């Protein structure tokens, strides 16, 4: 299956926002160099979407691999044991 820009834009990349002198910087740590600035955090996030789209365009055009988001979980033993034995995990998950 060929992965296009729409596919990568649909992924849930973790975003960090930092206060800087002139406002806010929003960035995606796993996508090196993918960052945007704004006077408010909302503007920085909106700008980040445009930057992310351009980032994917360039990487896809150049044939470079694009990292996918990874989620690291600290799982208590009870839940891990349930996963190991294919037990129902819904009682352990808060949405």
Protein backbone atom coordinates (compact mmCIF):
# COMPACT_ATOMS: atom_id res chain seq x y z
CA UNK A 1 0.00 0.00 0.00
CA UNK A 2 1.44 3.34 -1.06
CA UNK A 3 1.36 5.88 1.72
CA UNK A 4 0.56 9.40 0.56
CA UNK A 5 0.39 12.80 2.24
CA UNK A 6 -3.22 12.21 3.30
CA UNK A 7 -2.14 9.07 5.16
CA UNK A 8 0.64 10.85 7.06
CA UNK A 9 -1.56 13.87 7.82
CA UNK A 10 -4.09 11.51 9.42
CA UNK A 11 -1.55 10.14 11.90
CA UNK A 12 -1.59 11.50 15.43
CA UNK A 13 1.91 12.94 15.89
CA UNK A 14 2.69 14.14 19.43
CA UNK A 15 3.13 17.92 19.45
CA UNK A 16 5.03 20.04 21.93
CA UNK A 17 4.46 23.74 22.52
CA UNK A 18 6.99 26.03 24.16
CA UNK A 19 6.79 29.66 25.16
CA UNK A 20 9.43 31.73 23.36
CA UNK A 21 10.31 35.45 23.43
CA UNK A 22 7.95 36.47 20.65
CA UNK A 23 5.12 34.03 21.38
CA UNK A 24 4.95 30.26 21.02
CA UNK A 25 6.77 27.51 19.14
CA UNK A 26 4.87 24.33 18.22
CA UNK A 27 6.88 21.38 16.97
CA UNK A 28 6.78 17.66 16.33
CA UNK A 29 9.89 16.14 17.95
CA UNK A 30 9.94 13.00 15.79
CA UNK A 31 9.87 15.12 12.59
CA UNK A 32 13.18 16.97 12.90
CA UNK A 33 12.83 20.58 11.79
CA UNK A 34 9.04 20.51 11.66
CA UNK A 35 8.21 23.58 13.75
CA UNK A 36 6.12 26.71 13.56
CA UNK A 37 5.81 29.94 15.49
CA UNK A 38 2.92 32.20 16.43
CA UNK A 39 1.96 35.00 18.81
CA UNK A 40 -0.45 32.55 20.48
CA UNK A 41 -0.29 28.79 20.92
CA UNK A 42 -3.39 28.46 18.70
CA UNK A 43 -1.69 30.32 15.85
CA UNK A 44 1.48 28.25 16.27
CA UNK A 45 -0.58 25.03 16.06
CA UNK A 46 -2.41 26.25 12.97
CA UNK A 47 0.89 27.17 11.31
CA UNK A 48 2.33 23.79 12.28
CA UNK A 49 -0.33 22.03 10.19
CA UNK A 50 0.84 23.92 7.09
CA UNK A 51 4.50 23.22 7.90
CA UNK A 52 3.74 19.52 8.47
CA UNK A 53 1.98 19.32 5.11
CA UNK A 54 4.99 20.86 3.36
CA UNK A 55 7.33 18.57 5.29
CA UNK A 56 5.47 15.51 4.01
CA UNK A 57 5.37 16.88 0.44
CA UNK A 58 9.15 17.31 0.39
CA UNK A 59 9.95 13.96 1.99
CA UNK A 60 7.57 12.07 -0.30
CA UNK A 61 8.93 13.84 -3.40
CA UNK A 62 12.51 13.01 -2.37
CA UNK A 63 11.60 9.41 -1.53
CA UNK A 64 12.76 9.79 2.07
CA UNK A 65 11.19 7.71 4.79
CA UNK A 66 8.83 9.53 7.13
CA UNK A 67 8.82 8.42 10.76
CA UNK A 68 5.50 7.30 12.15
CA UNK A 69 4.41 8.33 15.63
CA UNK A 70 5.22 5.89 18.38
CA UNK A 71 3.41 5.64 21.67
CA UNK A 72 5.32 4.41 24.70
CA UNK A 73 3.19 3.09 27.52
CA UNK A 74 4.04 2.32 31.11
CA UNK A 75 1.82 -0.68 31.63
CA UNK A 76 1.06 -2.01 35.12
CA UNK A 77 1.64 -5.74 35.54
CA UNK A 78 -2.08 -6.53 35.77
CA UNK A 79 -2.74 -5.02 32.36
CA UNK A 80 0.36 -6.58 30.80
CA UNK A 81 -0.72 -9.96 32.17
CA UNK A 82 -4.18 -9.45 30.64
CA UNK A 83 -2.65 -8.56 27.28
CA UNK A 84 -0.39 -11.59 27.45
CA UNK A 85 -3.38 -13.87 28.05
CA UNK A 86 -5.74 -12.04 25.65
CA UNK A 87 -8.11 -10.95 28.40
CA UNK A 88 -10.56 -8.07 27.96
CA UNK A 89 -8.66 -4.82 28.57
CA UNK A 90 -11.52 -2.29 28.46
CA UNK A 91 -11.86 -2.15 32.27
CA UNK A 92 -8.25 -0.93 32.48
CA UNK A 93 -8.50 1.80 29.83
CA UNK A 94 -9.78 5.31 30.47
CA UNK A 95 -10.90 7.19 27.37
